[in-house]
Protein backbone atom coordinates (compact mmCIF):
# COMPACT_ATOMS: atom_id res chain seq x y z
CA UNK A 1 0.00 0.00 0.00
CA UNK A 2 1.31 3.42 -0.90
CA UNK A 3 0.58 6.30 1.45
CA UNK A 4 0.60 9.96 0.57
CA UNK A 5 -0.62 12.71 2.90
CA UNK A 6 -2.39 10.16 5.08
CA UNK A 7 -4.38 8.66 2.22
CA UNK A 8 -4.20 4.98 1.34
CA UNK A 9 -4.03 4.34 -2.35
CA UNK A 10 -3.58 1.56 -4.77
CA UNK A 11 -3.01 -2.01 -3.68
CA UNK A 12 -5.82 -4.23 -2.46
CA UNK A 13 -8.34 -1.38 -2.24
CA UNK A 14 -7.09 -0.23 1.16
CA UNK A 15 -9.56 2.15 2.82
CA UNK A 16 -8.91 5.84 3.02
CA UNK A 17 -7.71 6.96 6.47
CA UNK A 18 -8.00 10.77 6.41
CA UNK A 19 -10.28 13.40 4.89
CA UNK A 20 -8.71 16.89 5.04
CA UNK A 21 -10.94 18.02 2.17
CA UNK A 22 -14.04 17.86 4.39
CA UNK A 23 -13.10 20.82 6.62
CA UNK A 24 -15.87 23.43 6.36
CA UNK A 25 -18.66 21.01 5.41
CA UNK A 26 -21.53 20.18 7.74
CA UNK A 27 -21.23 17.09 9.93
CA UNK A 28 -23.91 15.35 7.86
CA UNK A 29 -22.13 16.04 4.59
CA UNK A 30 -18.84 14.84 6.05
CA UNK A 31 -20.40 11.67 7.45
CA UNK A 32 -21.92 10.83 4.07
CA UNK A 33 -18.55 11.21 2.31
CA UNK A 34 -16.68 9.16 4.92
CA UNK A 35 -19.26 6.35 4.62
CA UNK A 36 -18.82 6.37 0.83
CA UNK A 37 -15.07 5.89 1.24
CA UNK A 38 -15.12 3.71 4.39
CA UNK A 39 -18.52 1.99 4.83
CA UNK A 40 -17.65 0.28 8.12
CA UNK A 41 -16.61 3.54 9.80
CA UNK A 42 -18.06 4.24 13.23
CA UNK A 43 -18.79 7.98 13.12
CA UNK A 44 -18.71 10.17 16.23
CA UNK A 45 -19.67 13.84 15.96
CA UNK A 46 -17.80 15.83 18.60
CA UNK A 47 -19.23 19.24 19.58
CA UNK A 48 -16.97 22.13 20.66
CA UNK A 49 -15.30 21.80 24.08
CA UNK A 50 -16.18 18.11 24.50
CA UNK A 51 -13.65 15.61 25.76
CA UNK A 52 -12.99 12.33 23.96
CA UNK A 53 -11.27 9.12 25.01
CA UNK A 54 -7.68 8.56 23.93
CA UNK A 55 -8.08 4.93 22.88
CA UNK A 56 -7.33 4.20 19.22
CA UNK A 57 -9.83 2.32 17.05
CA UNK A 58 -9.15 1.85 13.36
CA UNK A 59 -12.87 1.82 12.56
CA UNK A 60 -13.67 5.12 14.33
CA UNK A 61 -13.78 8.53 12.64
CA UNK A 62 -14.47 11.55 14.82
CA UNK A 63 -16.00 14.64 13.25
CA UNK A 64 -15.02 17.67 15.34
CA UNK A 65 -17.46 20.49 14.62
CA UNK A 66 -17.58 24.17 15.53
CA UNK A 67 -20.56 25.96 17.08
CA UNK A 68 -22.26 26.22 13.68
CA UNK A 69 -21.97 22.46 13.02
CA UNK A 70 -19.18 22.75 10.45
CA UNK A 71 -16.17 20.42 10.40
CA UNK A 72 -13.30 22.31 12.04
CA UNK A 73 -10.34 19.95 11.62
CA UNK A 74 -9.29 17.21 9.22
CA UNK A 75 -10.95 13.86 9.84
CA UNK A 76 -8.92 10.70 10.33
CA UNK A 77 -9.39 7.19 11.60
CA UNK A 78 -8.61 6.47 15.22
C-alpha atoms as a PDB file:
ATOM      1  CA  UNK A   1       0.000   0.000   0.000  1.00  0.00           C
ATOM      2  CA  UNK A   2       1.315   3.420  -0.903  1.00  0.00           C
ATOM      3  CA  UNK A   3       0.577   6.304   1.447  1.00  0.00           C
ATOM      4  CA  UNK A   4       0.604   9.959   0.571  1.00  0.00           C
ATOM      5  CA  UNK A   5      -0.619  12.714   2.895  1.00  0.00           C
ATOM      6  CA  UNK A   6      -2.386  10.159   5.079  1.00  0.00           C
ATOM      7  CA  UNK A   7      -4.379   8.657   2.224  1.00  0.00           C
ATOM      8  CA  UNK A   8      -4.197   4.983   1.342  1.00  0.00           C
ATOM      9  CA  UNK A   9      -4.031   4.335  -2.346  1.00  0.00           C
ATOM     10  CA  UNK A  10      -3.576   1.556  -4.775  1.00  0.00           C
ATOM     11  CA  UNK A  11      -3.006  -2.005  -3.677  1.00  0.00           C
ATOM     12  CA  UNK A  12      -5.820  -4.227  -2.463  1.00  0.00           C
ATOM     13  CA  UNK A  13      -8.337  -1.382  -2.244  1.00  0.00           C
ATOM     14  CA  UNK A  14      -7.093  -0.230   1.159  1.00  0.00           C
ATOM     15  CA  UNK A  15      -9.565   2.148   2.825  1.00  0.00           C
ATOM     16  CA  UNK A  16      -8.913   5.841   3.016  1.00  0.00           C
ATOM     17  CA  UNK A  17      -7.705   6.960   6.469  1.00  0.00           C
ATOM     18  CA  UNK A  18      -8.002  10.769   6.412  1.00  0.00           C
ATOM     19  CA  UNK A  19     -10.283  13.398   4.892  1.00  0.00           C
ATOM     20  CA  UNK A  20      -8.712  16.893   5.041  1.00  0.00           C
ATOM     21  CA  UNK A  21     -10.937  18.017   2.168  1.00  0.00           C
ATOM     22  CA  UNK A  22     -14.043  17.861   4.394  1.00  0.00           C
ATOM     23  CA  UNK A  23     -13.103  20.820   6.617  1.00  0.00           C
ATOM     24  CA  UNK A  24     -15.865  23.434   6.357  1.00  0.00           C
ATOM     25  CA  UNK A  25     -18.657  21.014   5.406  1.00  0.00           C
ATOM     26  CA  UNK A  26     -21.534  20.178   7.736  1.00  0.00           C
ATOM     27  CA  UNK A  27     -21.227  17.089   9.933  1.00  0.00           C
ATOM     28  CA  UNK A  28     -23.914  15.353   7.860  1.00  0.00           C
ATOM     29  CA  UNK A  29     -22.127  16.045   4.587  1.00  0.00           C
ATOM     30  CA  UNK A  30     -18.837  14.844   6.051  1.00  0.00           C
ATOM     31  CA  UNK A  31     -20.396  11.669   7.451  1.00  0.00           C
ATOM     32  CA  UNK A  32     -21.916  10.829   4.069  1.00  0.00           C
ATOM     33  CA  UNK A  33     -18.553  11.210   2.311  1.00  0.00           C
ATOM     34  CA  UNK A  34     -16.681   9.161   4.918  1.00  0.00           C
ATOM     35  CA  UNK A  35     -19.260   6.354   4.624  1.00  0.00           C
ATOM     36  CA  UNK A  36     -18.823   6.368   0.828  1.00  0.00           C
ATOM     37  CA  UNK A  37     -15.065   5.890   1.244  1.00  0.00           C
ATOM     38  CA  UNK A  38     -15.119   3.713   4.387  1.00  0.00           C
ATOM     39  CA  UNK A  39     -18.518   1.992   4.827  1.00  0.00           C
ATOM     40  CA  UNK A  40     -17.646   0.278   8.124  1.00  0.00           C
ATOM     41  CA  UNK A  41     -16.606   3.544   9.799  1.00  0.00           C
ATOM     42  CA  UNK A  42     -18.059   4.242  13.230  1.00  0.00           C
ATOM     43  CA  UNK A  43     -18.788   7.975  13.119  1.00  0.00           C
ATOM     44  CA  UNK A  44     -18.714  10.171  16.228  1.00  0.00           C
ATOM     45  CA  UNK A  45     -19.675  13.837  15.957  1.00  0.00           C
ATOM     46  CA  UNK A  46     -17.800  15.826  18.604  1.00  0.00           C
ATOM     47  CA  UNK A  47     -19.235  19.240  19.577  1.00  0.00           C
ATOM     48  CA  UNK A  48     -16.971  22.126  20.661  1.00  0.00           C
ATOM     49  CA  UNK A  49     -15.297  21.796  24.076  1.00  0.00           C
ATOM     50  CA  UNK A  50     -16.179  18.113  24.505  1.00  0.00           C
ATOM     51  CA  UNK A  51     -13.654  15.606  25.764  1.00  0.00           C
ATOM     52  CA  UNK A  52     -12.988  12.330  23.962  1.00  0.00           C
ATOM     53  CA  UNK A  53     -11.273   9.125  25.014  1.00  0.00           C
ATOM     54  CA  UNK A  54      -7.677   8.561  23.929  1.00  0.00           C
ATOM     55  CA  UNK A  55      -8.077   4.934  22.876  1.00  0.00           C
ATOM     56  CA  UNK A  56      -7.330   4.197  19.224  1.00  0.00           C
ATOM     57  CA  UNK A  57      -9.833   2.317  17.051  1.00  0.00           C
ATOM     58  CA  UNK A  58      -9.153   1.848  13.360  1.00  0.00           C
ATOM     59  CA  UNK A  59     -12.870   1.824  12.557  1.00  0.00           C
ATOM     60  CA  UNK A  60     -13.672   5.122  14.328  1.00  0.00           C
ATOM     61  CA  UNK A  61     -13.783   8.526  12.644  1.00  0.00           C
ATOM     62  CA  UNK A  62     -14.473  11.547  14.820  1.00  0.00           C
ATOM     63  CA  UNK A  63     -15.998  14.635  13.249  1.00  0.00           C
ATOM     64  CA  UNK A  64     -15.023  17.669  15.335  1.00  0.00           C
ATOM     65  CA  UNK A  65     -17.462  20.488  14.624  1.00  0.00           C
ATOM     66  CA  UNK A  66     -17.584  24.170  15.530  1.00  0.00           C
ATOM     67  CA  UNK A  67     -20.560  25.964  17.084  1.00  0.00           C
ATOM     68  CA  UNK A  68     -22.258  26.221  13.677  1.00  0.00           C
ATOM     69  CA  UNK A  69     -21.970  22.463  13.020  1.00  0.00           C
ATOM     70  CA  UNK A  70     -19.177  22.750  10.446  1.00  0.00           C
ATOM     71  CA  UNK A  71     -16.167  20.422  10.403  1.00  0.00           C
ATOM     72  CA  UNK A  72     -13.302  22.311  12.043  1.00  0.00           C
ATOM     73  CA  UNK A  73     -10.345  19.949  11.625  1.00  0.00           C
ATOM     74  CA  UNK A  74      -9.290  17.206   9.218  1.00  0.00           C
ATOM     75  CA  UNK A  75     -10.953  13.856   9.843  1.00  0.00           C
ATOM     76  CA  UNK A  76      -8.918  10.700  10.333  1.00  0.00           C
ATOM     77  CA  UNK A  77      -9.386   7.188  11.602  1.00  0.00           C
ATOM     78  CA  UNK A  78      -8.613   6.474  15.221  1.00  0.00           C
END
